[in-house]
Amino acid sequence: MKTYLALLSAAVLSLAACSQESPAPSEQPAETAVEASANVVEAEAVPASADTKDAVCDMVVEADDAMKFNTNEINISKACKEYTITLKHVGKIPKAAMGHNLVIAKTEDVDGIVKDGAAAQVDNGYLKVGDERIIAATQLIGGGEEATVTVDTSKLAEGDKYEFFCSFPGHIGLMRGTVNLVD
């Protein structure tokens, strides 16, 4: 019965997220361009001769029950050999109905990863086991939880395009951003 309710809840949320109705007007004022630019979280730019210890090689990304990350860009310094990302689900809904993860892959691979992951189900974080297209991924978490992943930056090549996204079915439309390798 619990599984049935969880699946039913997930289906309802997915359909609601895909509706073509406009959202109800917010009681809060619209976000300004200045506030929107504050949503971009950057790693500190470091000269090529600087040691890794001078670079910012970690960040925290928040996800919520409104299917949004608090940033649309992750900038990773070339000086970092590893980059650690902590995903915090600041919402309250459990992972069966509103789980989030953070997956990094080449832009050209994202749609295939999401398609293959849909069949993998919640227990596998909606990611195909052993999918070599995935550069890094956190586990799927629910409200109030957090997960951490360490990215091996040697897997990121200058000139290639990368994205981060949530692989929970229906979430990629709102939960997607770019990953940049910066000086």
N, C-alpha and C. Protein backbone atom coordinates (compact mmCIF):
# COMPACT_ATOMS: atom_id res chain seq x y z
N MET A 1 0.82 -1.19 0.00
CA MET A 1 0.00 0.00 0.00
C MET A 1 0.88 1.27 0.00
N LYS A 2 1.97 1.24 0.80
CA LYS A 2 2.87 2.39 0.83
C LYS A 2 3.47 2.64 -0.54
N THR A 3 3.86 1.57 -1.22
CA THR A 3 4.45 1.71 -2.55
C THR A 3 3.44 2.30 -3.52
N TYR A 4 2.20 1.82 -3.43
CA TYR A 4 1.15 2.32 -4.30
C TYR A 4 0.94 3.82 -4.07
N LEU A 5 0.88 4.24 -2.81
CA LEU A 5 0.68 5.66 -2.51
C LEU A 5 1.87 6.49 -2.96
N ALA A 6 3.07 5.96 -2.77
CA ALA A 6 4.27 6.70 -3.20
C ALA A 6 4.28 6.86 -4.72
N LEU A 7 3.95 5.80 -5.45
CA LEU A 7 3.92 5.89 -6.91
C LEU A 7 2.82 6.83 -7.38
N LEU A 8 1.67 6.76 -6.72
CA LEU A 8 0.56 7.64 -7.07
C LEU A 8 0.95 9.10 -6.82
N SER A 9 1.59 9.35 -5.68
CA SER A 9 2.05 10.71 -5.36
C SER A 9 3.05 11.21 -6.38
N ALA A 10 4.00 10.35 -6.75
CA ALA A 10 5.01 10.74 -7.74
C ALA A 10 4.36 11.05 -9.08
N ALA A 11 3.38 10.24 -9.48
CA ALA A 11 2.70 10.46 -10.75
C ALA A 11 1.94 11.78 -10.74
N VAL A 12 1.24 12.06 -9.65
CA VAL A 12 0.48 13.31 -9.54
C VAL A 12 1.42 14.51 -9.58
N LEU A 13 2.52 14.44 -8.84
CA LEU A 13 3.48 15.55 -8.84
C LEU A 13 4.10 15.75 -10.22
N SER A 14 4.42 14.65 -10.90
CA SER A 14 5.01 14.75 -12.24
C SER A 14 4.03 15.39 -13.21
N LEU A 15 2.77 14.96 -13.16
CA LEU A 15 1.77 15.53 -14.05
C LEU A 15 1.51 16.99 -13.73
N ALA A 16 1.47 17.32 -12.45
CA ALA A 16 1.25 18.71 -12.07
C ALA A 16 2.40 19.59 -12.54
N ALA A 17 3.61 19.07 -12.46
CA ALA A 17 4.78 19.84 -12.89
C ALA A 17 4.79 20.05 -14.39
N CYS A 18 4.15 19.17 -15.13
CA CYS A 18 4.15 19.25 -16.59
C CYS A 18 2.93 19.97 -17.14
N SER A 19 2.04 20.45 -16.29
CA SER A 19 0.83 21.11 -16.79
C SER A 19 1.22 22.40 -17.50
N GLN A 20 0.32 22.87 -18.34
CA GLN A 20 0.62 24.08 -19.08
C GLN A 20 -0.06 25.30 -18.47
N GLU A 21 -0.57 25.14 -17.27
CA GLU A 21 -1.18 26.27 -16.59
C GLU A 21 -0.09 27.16 -16.02
N SER A 22 -0.39 28.46 -15.98
CA SER A 22 0.55 29.39 -15.37
C SER A 22 0.50 29.20 -13.87
N PRO A 23 1.62 29.38 -13.18
CA PRO A 23 1.60 29.27 -11.74
C PRO A 23 0.79 30.41 -11.13
N ALA A 24 0.24 30.17 -9.96
CA ALA A 24 -0.51 31.20 -9.26
C ALA A 24 0.41 32.36 -8.95
N PRO A 25 -0.11 33.59 -8.96
CA PRO A 25 0.75 34.73 -8.66
C PRO A 25 1.37 34.59 -7.27
N SER A 26 2.60 34.96 -7.20
CA SER A 26 3.34 34.88 -5.94
C SER A 26 3.04 36.09 -5.09
N GLU A 27 3.05 35.89 -3.78
CA GLU A 27 2.86 37.02 -2.89
C GLU A 27 4.15 37.82 -2.75
N GLN A 28 5.26 37.23 -3.17
CA GLN A 28 6.54 37.91 -3.09
C GLN A 28 6.79 38.64 -4.41
N PRO A 29 7.52 39.74 -4.37
CA PRO A 29 7.81 40.45 -5.62
C PRO A 29 8.70 39.61 -6.52
N ALA A 30 8.60 39.89 -7.81
CA ALA A 30 9.40 39.14 -8.79
C ALA A 30 10.88 39.37 -8.53
N GLU A 31 11.67 38.37 -8.84
CA GLU A 31 13.12 38.42 -8.64
C GLU A 31 13.72 39.42 -9.63
N THR A 32 14.57 40.28 -9.15
CA THR A 32 15.21 41.25 -10.04
C THR A 32 16.43 40.64 -10.68
N ALA A 33 16.94 41.32 -11.69
CA ALA A 33 18.13 40.81 -12.38
C ALA A 33 19.32 40.73 -11.43
N VAL A 34 19.41 41.68 -10.51
CA VAL A 34 20.51 41.67 -9.55
C VAL A 34 20.40 40.43 -8.65
N GLU A 35 19.16 40.14 -8.18
CA GLU A 35 18.97 38.96 -7.34
C GLU A 35 19.22 37.70 -8.14
N ALA A 36 18.81 37.67 -9.40
CA ALA A 36 19.02 36.48 -10.23
C ALA A 36 20.50 36.20 -10.41
N SER A 37 21.28 37.25 -10.59
CA SER A 37 22.71 37.02 -10.76
C SER A 37 23.36 36.53 -9.47
N ALA A 38 22.72 36.79 -8.35
CA ALA A 38 23.24 36.30 -7.07
C ALA A 38 23.07 34.79 -6.95
N ASN A 39 22.22 34.20 -7.79
CA ASN A 39 22.01 32.76 -7.76
C ASN A 39 23.17 31.99 -8.36
N VAL A 40 24.06 32.65 -9.06
CA VAL A 40 25.21 31.97 -9.65
C VAL A 40 26.28 31.82 -8.58
N VAL A 41 26.68 30.58 -8.35
CA VAL A 41 27.70 30.31 -7.35
C VAL A 41 28.99 30.00 -8.08
N GLU A 42 30.05 30.72 -7.77
CA GLU A 42 31.30 30.55 -8.50
C GLU A 42 32.42 30.11 -7.58
N ALA A 43 33.28 29.29 -8.15
CA ALA A 43 34.54 29.01 -7.47
C ALA A 43 35.46 30.18 -7.77
N GLU A 44 36.35 30.47 -6.87
CA GLU A 44 37.26 31.59 -7.03
C GLU A 44 38.19 31.35 -8.21
N ALA A 45 38.34 32.35 -9.06
CA ALA A 45 39.28 32.24 -10.17
C ALA A 45 40.70 32.30 -9.61
N VAL A 46 41.56 31.42 -10.10
CA VAL A 46 42.91 31.31 -9.57
C VAL A 46 43.90 31.35 -10.73
N PRO A 47 44.98 32.13 -10.62
CA PRO A 47 46.00 32.12 -11.67
C PRO A 47 46.56 30.72 -11.86
N ALA A 48 47.01 30.41 -13.07
CA ALA A 48 47.50 29.07 -13.39
C ALA A 48 48.67 28.65 -12.52
N SER A 49 49.44 29.59 -12.02
CA SER A 49 50.61 29.24 -11.21
C SER A 49 50.27 29.03 -9.74
N ALA A 50 49.05 29.30 -9.33
CA ALA A 50 48.67 29.18 -7.93
C ALA A 50 48.52 27.73 -7.52
N ASP A 51 48.76 27.46 -6.26
CA ASP A 51 48.57 26.11 -5.73
C ASP A 51 47.09 25.82 -5.57
N THR A 52 46.76 24.53 -5.53
CA THR A 52 45.38 24.11 -5.34
C THR A 52 44.83 24.63 -4.02
N LYS A 53 45.68 24.77 -3.01
CA LYS A 53 45.21 25.23 -1.70
C LYS A 53 44.62 26.63 -1.76
N ASP A 54 44.94 27.42 -2.78
CA ASP A 54 44.41 28.76 -2.92
C ASP A 54 43.06 28.78 -3.64
N ALA A 55 42.71 27.71 -4.31
CA ALA A 55 41.46 27.65 -5.07
C ALA A 55 40.32 27.18 -4.16
N VAL A 56 39.12 27.62 -4.48
CA VAL A 56 37.93 27.12 -3.79
C VAL A 56 37.51 25.85 -4.52
N CYS A 57 37.58 24.73 -3.82
CA CYS A 57 37.34 23.44 -4.46
C CYS A 57 36.14 22.72 -3.86
N ASP A 58 35.18 23.49 -3.38
CA ASP A 58 33.95 22.88 -2.87
C ASP A 58 32.82 23.91 -2.90
N MET A 59 31.61 23.41 -2.83
CA MET A 59 30.44 24.29 -2.78
C MET A 59 29.24 23.51 -2.26
N VAL A 60 28.22 24.25 -1.86
CA VAL A 60 26.96 23.67 -1.41
C VAL A 60 25.89 24.12 -2.39
N VAL A 61 25.09 23.17 -2.85
CA VAL A 61 23.95 23.45 -3.72
C VAL A 61 22.70 23.02 -2.97
N GLU A 62 21.69 23.88 -2.96
CA GLU A 62 20.44 23.55 -2.30
C GLU A 62 19.37 23.22 -3.34
N ALA A 63 18.51 22.26 -2.98
CA ALA A 63 17.35 21.89 -3.80
C ALA A 63 16.14 21.96 -2.89
N ASP A 64 14.97 22.25 -3.46
CA ASP A 64 13.78 22.40 -2.61
C ASP A 64 12.58 21.64 -3.16
N ASP A 65 11.46 21.75 -2.47
CA ASP A 65 10.24 21.06 -2.88
C ASP A 65 9.59 21.69 -4.10
N ALA A 66 10.06 22.85 -4.53
CA ALA A 66 9.56 23.51 -5.74
C ALA A 66 10.36 23.09 -6.97
N MET A 67 11.15 22.04 -6.84
CA MET A 67 11.98 21.51 -7.93
C MET A 67 12.93 22.57 -8.50
N LYS A 68 13.70 23.18 -7.62
CA LYS A 68 14.67 24.18 -8.05
C LYS A 68 15.98 23.99 -7.30
N PHE A 69 17.09 24.18 -8.04
CA PHE A 69 18.39 24.32 -7.41
C PHE A 69 18.56 25.81 -7.10
N ASN A 70 19.40 26.15 -6.13
CA ASN A 70 19.62 27.56 -5.81
C ASN A 70 20.68 28.20 -6.71
N THR A 71 21.16 27.47 -7.70
CA THR A 71 22.13 28.01 -8.65
C THR A 71 21.87 27.38 -10.02
N ASN A 72 22.27 28.08 -11.05
CA ASN A 72 22.16 27.50 -12.39
C ASN A 72 23.53 27.31 -13.03
N GLU A 73 24.59 27.50 -12.24
CA GLU A 73 25.95 27.38 -12.74
C GLU A 73 26.87 26.85 -11.64
N ILE A 74 27.75 25.93 -12.02
CA ILE A 74 28.82 25.49 -11.13
C ILE A 74 30.12 25.77 -11.86
N ASN A 75 30.96 26.62 -11.28
CA ASN A 75 32.24 26.97 -11.89
C ASN A 75 33.35 26.30 -11.10
N ILE A 76 34.06 25.40 -11.76
CA ILE A 76 35.12 24.62 -11.13
C ILE A 76 36.48 25.15 -11.59
N SER A 77 37.31 25.51 -10.63
CA SER A 77 38.64 26.02 -10.95
C SER A 77 39.52 24.91 -11.52
N LYS A 78 40.27 25.25 -12.56
CA LYS A 78 41.22 24.30 -13.15
C LYS A 78 42.31 23.91 -12.15
N ALA A 79 42.50 24.73 -11.12
CA ALA A 79 43.52 24.45 -10.11
C ALA A 79 43.10 23.31 -9.17
N CYS A 80 41.82 22.96 -9.16
CA CYS A 80 41.32 21.90 -8.27
C CYS A 80 41.51 20.54 -8.93
N LYS A 81 42.14 19.63 -8.21
CA LYS A 81 42.26 18.25 -8.69
C LYS A 81 40.96 17.50 -8.42
N GLU A 82 40.30 17.87 -7.32
CA GLU A 82 38.99 17.33 -6.97
C GLU A 82 38.11 18.50 -6.56
N TYR A 83 36.81 18.36 -6.80
CA TYR A 83 35.86 19.40 -6.45
C TYR A 83 34.70 18.73 -5.73
N THR A 84 34.42 19.17 -4.51
CA THR A 84 33.39 18.54 -3.70
C THR A 84 32.11 19.37 -3.72
N ILE A 85 31.00 18.71 -4.01
CA ILE A 85 29.70 19.36 -4.03
C ILE A 85 28.81 18.68 -2.99
N THR A 86 28.24 19.49 -2.10
CA THR A 86 27.27 18.99 -1.13
C THR A 86 25.90 19.45 -1.58
N LEU A 87 24.99 18.50 -1.75
CA LEU A 87 23.61 18.80 -2.11
C LEU A 87 22.77 18.74 -0.85
N LYS A 88 22.06 19.84 -0.56
CA LYS A 88 21.16 19.89 0.60
C LYS A 88 19.73 20.03 0.09
N HIS A 89 18.88 19.09 0.49
CA HIS A 89 17.45 19.16 0.15
C HIS A 89 16.78 19.93 1.28
N VAL A 90 16.46 21.19 1.04
CA VAL A 90 15.92 22.05 2.08
C VAL A 90 14.40 21.94 2.21
N GLY A 91 13.79 21.06 1.41
CA GLY A 91 12.36 20.85 1.49
C GLY A 91 12.01 19.84 2.58
N LYS A 92 10.76 19.39 2.56
CA LYS A 92 10.26 18.46 3.57
C LYS A 92 9.73 17.15 2.99
N ILE A 93 9.45 17.12 1.70
CA ILE A 93 8.83 15.94 1.08
C ILE A 93 9.86 14.82 0.95
N PRO A 94 9.46 13.56 1.26
CA PRO A 94 10.40 12.43 1.19
C PRO A 94 10.84 12.13 -0.24
N LYS A 95 11.94 11.38 -0.36
CA LYS A 95 12.54 11.13 -1.67
C LYS A 95 11.65 10.33 -2.61
N ALA A 96 10.75 9.51 -2.09
CA ALA A 96 9.87 8.73 -2.97
C ALA A 96 8.96 9.64 -3.80
N ALA A 97 8.61 10.80 -3.25
CA ALA A 97 7.72 11.72 -3.95
C ALA A 97 8.43 12.95 -4.52
N MET A 98 9.52 13.39 -3.88
CA MET A 98 10.21 14.61 -4.30
C MET A 98 11.71 14.48 -4.04
N GLY A 99 12.28 13.37 -4.46
CA GLY A 99 13.72 13.16 -4.27
C GLY A 99 14.53 13.99 -5.25
N HIS A 100 15.71 14.37 -4.81
CA HIS A 100 16.63 15.12 -5.67
C HIS A 100 18.02 14.51 -5.60
N ASN A 101 18.73 14.59 -6.70
CA ASN A 101 20.15 14.28 -6.74
C ASN A 101 20.81 15.32 -7.63
N LEU A 102 22.11 15.28 -7.70
CA LEU A 102 22.84 16.18 -8.57
C LEU A 102 23.78 15.31 -9.39
N VAL A 103 23.56 15.32 -10.70
CA VAL A 103 24.31 14.48 -11.63
C VAL A 103 25.08 15.40 -12.57
N ILE A 104 26.34 15.07 -12.84
CA ILE A 104 27.16 15.85 -13.79
C ILE A 104 27.51 14.95 -14.97
N ALA A 105 27.31 15.49 -16.18
CA ALA A 105 27.61 14.74 -17.40
C ALA A 105 27.85 15.72 -18.54
N LYS A 106 28.39 15.21 -19.65
CA LYS A 106 28.50 16.03 -20.85
C LYS A 106 27.09 16.38 -21.31
N THR A 107 26.93 17.58 -21.84
CA THR A 107 25.63 18.04 -22.30
C THR A 107 25.01 17.06 -23.30
N GLU A 108 25.83 16.52 -24.19
CA GLU A 108 25.33 15.60 -25.22
C GLU A 108 24.81 14.28 -24.64
N ASP A 109 25.19 13.94 -23.41
CA ASP A 109 24.79 12.68 -22.80
C ASP A 109 23.58 12.79 -21.87
N VAL A 110 23.19 14.00 -21.51
CA VAL A 110 22.16 14.21 -20.49
C VAL A 110 20.85 13.52 -20.83
N ASP A 111 20.32 13.74 -22.02
CA ASP A 111 19.01 13.16 -22.37
C ASP A 111 19.03 11.64 -22.31
N GLY A 112 20.10 11.02 -22.78
CA GLY A 112 20.22 9.56 -22.73
C GLY A 112 20.30 9.04 -21.30
N ILE A 113 21.01 9.75 -20.44
CA ILE A 113 21.12 9.35 -19.04
C ILE A 113 19.76 9.41 -18.36
N VAL A 114 19.01 10.48 -18.62
CA VAL A 114 17.68 10.62 -18.02
C VAL A 114 16.74 9.54 -18.54
N LYS A 115 16.77 9.29 -19.83
CA LYS A 115 15.90 8.27 -20.42
C LYS A 115 16.21 6.90 -19.85
N ASP A 116 17.48 6.52 -19.81
CA ASP A 116 17.87 5.21 -19.27
C ASP A 116 17.62 5.13 -17.77
N GLY A 117 17.76 6.26 -17.08
CA GLY A 117 17.58 6.28 -15.63
C GLY A 117 16.14 6.11 -15.19
N ALA A 118 15.19 6.48 -16.04
CA ALA A 118 13.78 6.36 -15.66
C ALA A 118 13.41 4.93 -15.33
N ALA A 119 14.01 3.97 -16.02
CA ALA A 119 13.73 2.56 -15.77
C ALA A 119 14.47 2.03 -14.54
N ALA A 120 15.44 2.78 -14.04
CA ALA A 120 16.26 2.32 -12.92
C ALA A 120 15.54 2.42 -11.58
N GLN A 121 14.48 3.20 -11.50
CA GLN A 121 13.65 3.34 -10.31
C GLN A 121 14.35 4.09 -9.17
N VAL A 122 13.58 4.37 -8.14
CA VAL A 122 14.02 5.18 -7.01
C VAL A 122 15.19 4.55 -6.25
N ASP A 123 15.21 3.23 -6.12
CA ASP A 123 16.28 2.57 -5.36
C ASP A 123 17.66 2.80 -5.97
N ASN A 124 17.71 3.06 -7.26
CA ASN A 124 18.98 3.33 -7.94
C ASN A 124 19.15 4.82 -8.24
N GLY A 125 18.32 5.65 -7.61
CA GLY A 125 18.43 7.10 -7.81
C GLY A 125 18.06 7.52 -9.22
N TYR A 126 17.25 6.73 -9.89
CA TYR A 126 16.87 6.99 -11.28
C TYR A 126 18.10 7.18 -12.16
N LEU A 127 19.12 6.36 -11.90
CA LEU A 127 20.32 6.32 -12.73
C LEU A 127 20.65 4.88 -13.05
N LYS A 128 20.94 4.62 -14.31
CA LYS A 128 21.31 3.27 -14.74
C LYS A 128 22.62 2.88 -14.05
N VAL A 129 22.62 1.72 -13.42
CA VAL A 129 23.81 1.24 -12.71
C VAL A 129 24.97 1.07 -13.70
N GLY A 130 26.13 1.63 -13.34
CA GLY A 130 27.32 1.49 -14.17
C GLY A 130 27.35 2.37 -15.41
N ASP A 131 26.48 3.38 -15.49
CA ASP A 131 26.43 4.26 -16.66
C ASP A 131 27.72 5.09 -16.72
N GLU A 132 28.56 4.80 -17.69
CA GLU A 132 29.86 5.47 -17.80
C GLU A 132 29.77 6.90 -18.32
N ARG A 133 28.60 7.32 -18.76
CA ARG A 133 28.42 8.70 -19.21
C ARG A 133 28.35 9.66 -18.02
N ILE A 134 28.06 9.13 -16.84
CA ILE A 134 27.93 9.95 -15.64
C ILE A 134 29.32 10.25 -15.08
N ILE A 135 29.65 11.52 -14.99
CA ILE A 135 30.94 11.94 -14.45
C ILE A 135 30.92 11.89 -12.93
N ALA A 136 29.82 12.34 -12.34
CA ALA A 136 29.67 12.33 -10.88
C ALA A 136 28.18 12.43 -10.56
N ALA A 137 27.78 11.87 -9.41
CA ALA A 137 26.38 11.96 -8.99
C ALA A 137 26.27 11.74 -7.50
N THR A 138 25.40 12.53 -6.87
CA THR A 138 25.08 12.28 -5.47
C THR A 138 24.03 11.19 -5.42
N GLN A 139 23.80 10.67 -4.23
CA GLN A 139 22.68 9.75 -4.07
C GLN A 139 21.39 10.56 -4.09
N LEU A 140 20.27 9.91 -4.30
CA LEU A 140 18.96 10.55 -4.28
C LEU A 140 18.58 10.79 -2.83
N ILE A 141 18.18 12.03 -2.50
CA ILE A 141 17.84 12.37 -1.12
C ILE A 141 16.46 13.00 -1.04
N GLY A 142 15.87 12.92 0.15
CA GLY A 142 14.58 13.54 0.41
C GLY A 142 14.74 14.78 1.27
N GLY A 143 13.61 15.39 1.60
CA GLY A 143 13.60 16.61 2.40
C GLY A 143 14.39 16.48 3.69
N GLY A 144 15.21 17.49 3.98
CA GLY A 144 16.00 17.52 5.20
C GLY A 144 17.29 16.73 5.14
N GLU A 145 17.56 16.08 4.02
CA GLU A 145 18.77 15.26 3.90
C GLU A 145 19.82 15.99 3.07
N GLU A 146 21.05 15.48 3.13
CA GLU A 146 22.11 16.01 2.28
C GLU A 146 23.01 14.87 1.82
N ALA A 147 23.68 15.10 0.70
CA ALA A 147 24.60 14.11 0.13
C ALA A 147 25.77 14.87 -0.48
N THR A 148 26.92 14.22 -0.52
CA THR A 148 28.13 14.85 -1.04
C THR A 148 28.74 13.97 -2.13
N VAL A 149 29.27 14.62 -3.14
CA VAL A 149 29.98 13.91 -4.21
C VAL A 149 31.28 14.67 -4.49
N THR A 150 32.33 13.93 -4.77
CA THR A 150 33.61 14.53 -5.14
C THR A 150 33.85 14.27 -6.62
N VAL A 151 34.06 15.35 -7.36
CA VAL A 151 34.26 15.27 -8.80
C VAL A 151 35.76 15.20 -9.08
N ASP A 152 36.17 14.20 -9.84
CA ASP A 152 37.55 14.11 -10.32
C ASP A 152 37.65 15.05 -11.51
N THR A 153 38.28 16.20 -11.32
CA THR A 153 38.28 17.22 -12.36
C THR A 153 39.08 16.83 -13.60
N SER A 154 39.88 15.77 -13.51
CA SER A 154 40.59 15.31 -14.71
C SER A 154 39.61 14.73 -15.74
N LYS A 155 38.37 14.47 -15.32
CA LYS A 155 37.35 13.97 -16.25
C LYS A 155 36.67 15.10 -17.02
N LEU A 156 37.01 16.34 -16.69
CA LEU A 156 36.45 17.51 -17.37
C LEU A 156 37.48 18.06 -18.33
N ALA A 157 37.15 18.11 -19.61
CA ALA A 157 38.08 18.59 -20.63
C ALA A 157 37.70 20.00 -21.07
N GLU A 158 38.69 20.85 -21.16
CA GLU A 158 38.46 22.21 -21.61
C GLU A 158 37.87 22.17 -23.03
N GLY A 159 36.84 22.97 -23.26
CA GLY A 159 36.20 23.00 -24.57
C GLY A 159 34.94 22.15 -24.66
N ASP A 160 34.81 21.13 -23.79
CA ASP A 160 33.59 20.32 -23.77
C ASP A 160 32.53 21.04 -22.94
N LYS A 161 31.27 20.73 -23.19
CA LYS A 161 30.17 21.34 -22.45
C LYS A 161 29.60 20.32 -21.47
N TYR A 162 29.37 20.78 -20.23
CA TYR A 162 28.88 19.92 -19.17
C TYR A 162 27.65 20.54 -18.51
N GLU A 163 26.81 19.67 -17.96
CA GLU A 163 25.63 20.12 -17.23
C GLU A 163 25.51 19.35 -15.93
N PHE A 164 24.76 19.95 -15.00
CA PHE A 164 24.33 19.23 -13.82
C PHE A 164 22.81 19.24 -13.83
N PHE A 165 22.21 18.19 -13.28
CA PHE A 165 20.76 18.07 -13.32
C PHE A 165 20.29 17.09 -12.26
N CYS A 166 18.97 17.06 -12.05
CA CYS A 166 18.34 16.09 -11.16
C CYS A 166 17.71 15.03 -12.05
N SER A 167 17.98 13.75 -11.76
CA SER A 167 17.48 12.67 -12.61
C SER A 167 16.12 12.13 -12.18
N PHE A 168 15.52 12.66 -11.11
CA PHE A 168 14.18 12.22 -10.70
C PHE A 168 13.23 12.53 -11.86
N PRO A 169 12.36 11.59 -12.23
CA PRO A 169 11.48 11.80 -13.39
C PRO A 169 10.70 13.12 -13.34
N GLY A 170 10.80 13.88 -14.42
CA GLY A 170 10.08 15.14 -14.54
C GLY A 170 10.82 16.35 -13.99
N HIS A 171 11.90 16.15 -13.25
CA HIS A 171 12.58 17.27 -12.61
C HIS A 171 13.55 18.01 -13.52
N ILE A 172 14.07 17.35 -14.54
CA ILE A 172 15.12 17.96 -15.36
C ILE A 172 14.66 19.26 -16.04
N GLY A 173 13.37 19.39 -16.28
CA GLY A 173 12.87 20.60 -16.91
C GLY A 173 13.16 21.86 -16.11
N LEU A 174 13.19 21.73 -14.79
CA LEU A 174 13.44 22.88 -13.91
C LEU A 174 14.77 22.80 -13.18
N MET A 175 15.33 21.61 -13.11
CA MET A 175 16.54 21.40 -12.29
C MET A 175 17.72 21.02 -13.18
N ARG A 176 18.27 22.04 -13.82
CA ARG A 176 19.34 21.82 -14.79
C ARG A 176 20.21 23.08 -14.84
N GLY A 177 21.51 22.90 -14.96
CA GLY A 177 22.41 24.04 -15.05
C GLY A 177 23.70 23.64 -15.75
N THR A 178 24.60 24.60 -15.89
CA THR A 178 25.86 24.34 -16.59
C THR A 178 27.01 24.17 -15.59
N VAL A 179 27.99 23.37 -16.01
CA VAL A 179 29.23 23.19 -15.26
C VAL A 179 30.34 23.75 -16.13
N ASN A 180 31.11 24.67 -15.58
CA ASN A 180 32.17 25.33 -16.33
C ASN A 180 33.52 25.08 -15.68
N LEU A 181 34.52 24.86 -16.49
CA LEU A 181 35.90 24.75 -16.03
C LEU A 181 36.51 26.14 -16.22
N VAL A 182 36.93 26.77 -15.12
CA VAL A 182 37.41 28.15 -15.18
C VAL A 182 38.85 28.25 -14.70
N ASP A 183 39.53 29.35 -15.09
CA ASP A 183 40.92 29.58 -14.66
C ASP A 183 40.97 29.95 -13.20
